[in-house]
């Protein structure tokens, strides 16, 4: 942003984008053991989100995606202040701490991928990338 001021041009930097209060905290992209496709193995693959604010936040219609475009969409769900929610790849019963994608095969690539978190308007709120080493990453 710039404007003319008497003898010269004065420039101002745009304010930095504020970090989202809902953040990708950890991704466990390589579930323990062999990738057999069992529900236990699928649920060993997950993304954990954290609400870093002091107030509860609605995640209704928020989306969690990978590079390929596989998408988990939150239904009506509120994440409490300072709380975590884990989105597991396989099937299960949703609770306040665990949500289930209901997939029958893996989402997150063990050899490198990126998790993207978008709000209900489609705005990118956070992302987390990893390479070929390890099984999980704190973002």
Protein backbone atom coordinates (compact mmCIF):
# COMPACT_ATOMS: atom_id res chain seq x y z
CA UNK A 1 0.00 0.00 0.00
CA UNK A 2 1.38 3.45 -0.84
CA UNK A 3 0.12 7.02 -0.94
CA UNK A 4 1.50 10.39 -1.96
CA UNK A 5 2.54 12.64 0.90
CA UNK A 6 3.83 16.14 0.18
CA UNK A 7 7.34 15.65 -1.21
CA UNK A 8 7.37 11.90 -1.67
CA UNK A 9 5.75 8.52 -1.74
CA UNK A 10 5.26 6.73 1.57
CA UNK A 11 4.97 2.93 1.49
CA UNK A 12 3.43 0.70 4.14
CA UNK A 13 3.75 -3.05 4.39
CA UNK A 14 0.49 -4.94 4.48
CA UNK A 15 -0.19 -6.46 7.91
CA UNK A 16 0.97 -10.06 8.28
CA UNK A 17 -1.75 -12.67 8.02
CA UNK A 18 -2.72 -13.88 11.46
CA UNK A 19 -2.15 -17.57 12.06
CA UNK A 20 -5.30 -19.63 12.29
CA UNK A 21 -6.37 -20.55 15.81
CA UNK A 22 -7.23 -24.01 14.44
CA UNK A 23 -3.95 -25.62 13.48
CA UNK A 24 -2.67 -28.94 12.20
CA UNK A 25 -0.78 -30.13 15.25
CA UNK A 26 0.50 -33.57 14.19
CA UNK A 27 0.16 -35.98 11.28
CA UNK A 28 0.72 -39.73 11.71
CA UNK A 29 1.09 -40.65 8.04
CA UNK A 30 2.71 -44.09 8.33
CA UNK A 31 0.53 -46.28 10.53
CA UNK A 32 2.38 -48.90 12.61
CA UNK A 33 3.08 -52.27 10.97
CA UNK A 34 2.31 -53.33 7.43
CA UNK A 35 -0.21 -51.43 5.34
CA UNK A 36 -2.78 -54.24 5.25
CA UNK A 37 -5.83 -52.02 4.84
CA UNK A 38 -7.41 -53.35 8.04
CA UNK A 39 -9.56 -50.83 9.89
CA UNK A 40 -7.08 -50.90 12.80
CA UNK A 41 -4.24 -50.05 10.42
CA UNK A 42 -6.28 -47.34 8.69
CA UNK A 43 -7.13 -45.72 12.03
CA UNK A 44 -3.39 -45.72 12.87
CA UNK A 45 -3.13 -43.05 10.18
CA UNK A 46 -4.46 -39.69 11.38
CA UNK A 47 -4.26 -35.91 11.53
CA UNK A 48 -4.62 -34.08 14.83
CA UNK A 49 -5.92 -30.52 14.94
CA UNK A 50 -5.63 -28.14 17.88
CA UNK A 51 -7.74 -25.14 18.86
CA UNK A 52 -5.16 -22.69 20.22
CA UNK A 53 -7.75 -20.10 21.25
CA UNK A 54 -9.58 -19.52 24.51
CA UNK A 55 -13.00 -20.02 22.91
CA UNK A 56 -14.73 -22.94 21.22
CA UNK A 57 -14.73 -22.84 17.41
CA UNK A 58 -17.15 -24.36 14.92
CA UNK A 59 -15.50 -26.51 12.24
CA UNK A 60 -18.74 -27.07 10.32
CA UNK A 61 -17.92 -27.51 6.61
CA UNK A 62 -14.15 -27.21 7.20
CA UNK A 63 -12.11 -29.51 4.95
CA UNK A 64 -8.96 -31.55 5.46
CA UNK A 65 -7.28 -32.52 2.16
CA UNK A 66 -4.18 -34.19 0.83
CA UNK A 67 -2.23 -33.28 -2.37
CA UNK A 68 -4.30 -35.75 -4.42
CA UNK A 69 -7.54 -34.10 -3.34
CA UNK A 70 -8.93 -36.73 -0.96
CA UNK A 71 -11.17 -34.65 1.29
CA UNK A 72 -12.64 -35.05 4.76
CA UNK A 73 -15.41 -32.53 5.47
CA UNK A 74 -16.48 -31.79 9.02
CA UNK A 75 -20.19 -31.93 9.70
CA UNK A 76 -21.62 -30.04 12.65
CA UNK A 77 -18.68 -30.05 15.05
CA UNK A 78 -17.31 -27.64 17.65
CA UNK A 79 -13.74 -27.90 18.92
CA UNK A 80 -13.40 -26.70 22.49
CA UNK A 81 -10.93 -24.06 23.62
CA UNK A 82 -7.42 -25.52 23.88
CA UNK A 83 -8.71 -28.95 22.74
CA UNK A 84 -7.55 -31.43 20.11
CA UNK A 85 -9.48 -33.54 17.61
CA UNK A 86 -7.99 -36.45 15.69
CA UNK A 87 -9.29 -37.26 12.20
CA UNK A 88 -8.68 -40.97 11.62
CA UNK A 89 -8.67 -42.48 8.11
CA UNK A 90 -10.77 -45.59 8.81
CA UNK A 91 -14.23 -46.25 10.21
CA UNK A 92 -15.50 -45.65 13.74
CA UNK A 93 -17.98 -43.74 15.86
CA UNK A 94 -17.37 -39.99 15.97
CA UNK A 95 -16.70 -38.44 19.38
CA UNK A 96 -15.54 -35.03 20.60
CA UNK A 97 -11.91 -36.18 20.36
CA UNK A 98 -11.98 -38.54 17.35
CA UNK A 99 -13.60 -38.13 13.93
CA UNK A 100 -13.59 -40.92 11.33
CA UNK A 101 -13.12 -40.44 7.59
CA UNK A 102 -14.69 -43.83 6.81
CA UNK A 103 -12.21 -44.71 4.06
CA UNK A 104 -11.25 -48.25 3.08
CA UNK A 105 -7.70 -47.33 2.00
CA UNK A 106 -4.96 -44.94 3.10
CA UNK A 107 -4.89 -41.19 2.40
CA UNK A 108 -1.51 -39.91 3.55
CA UNK A 109 1.55 -40.94 1.52
CA UNK A 110 4.43 -42.43 3.51
CA UNK A 111 6.90 -41.06 0.94
CA UNK A 112 5.81 -37.42 1.31
CA UNK A 113 2.58 -35.48 1.19
CA UNK A 114 0.90 -32.31 2.43
CA UNK A 115 -2.16 -31.93 4.63
CA UNK A 116 -4.26 -28.83 3.94
CA UNK A 117 -6.89 -27.39 6.30
CA UNK A 118 -9.50 -25.06 4.74
CA UNK A 119 -12.34 -23.25 6.46
CA UNK A 120 -15.96 -23.29 5.27
CA UNK A 121 -15.23 -20.45 2.80
CA UNK A 122 -12.38 -22.45 1.26
CA UNK A 123 -9.61 -20.26 2.71
CA UNK A 124 -6.40 -22.13 3.52
CA UNK A 125 -6.03 -21.99 7.30
CA UNK A 126 -3.00 -24.26 7.76
CA UNK A 127 -0.89 -26.88 6.02
CA UNK A 128 1.77 -29.41 6.96
CA UNK A 129 4.21 -31.20 4.64
CA UNK A 130 6.58 -34.12 5.16
CA UNK A 131 9.11 -36.19 3.23
CA UNK A 132 10.06 -39.87 3.09
CA UNK A 133 11.53 -40.35 6.57
CA UNK A 134 9.77 -41.15 9.81
CA UNK A 135 6.18 -42.07 10.61
CA UNK A 136 4.77 -38.81 11.94
CA UNK A 137 5.37 -35.10 12.03
CA UNK A 138 4.60 -32.36 14.53
CA UNK A 139 3.63 -29.36 12.43
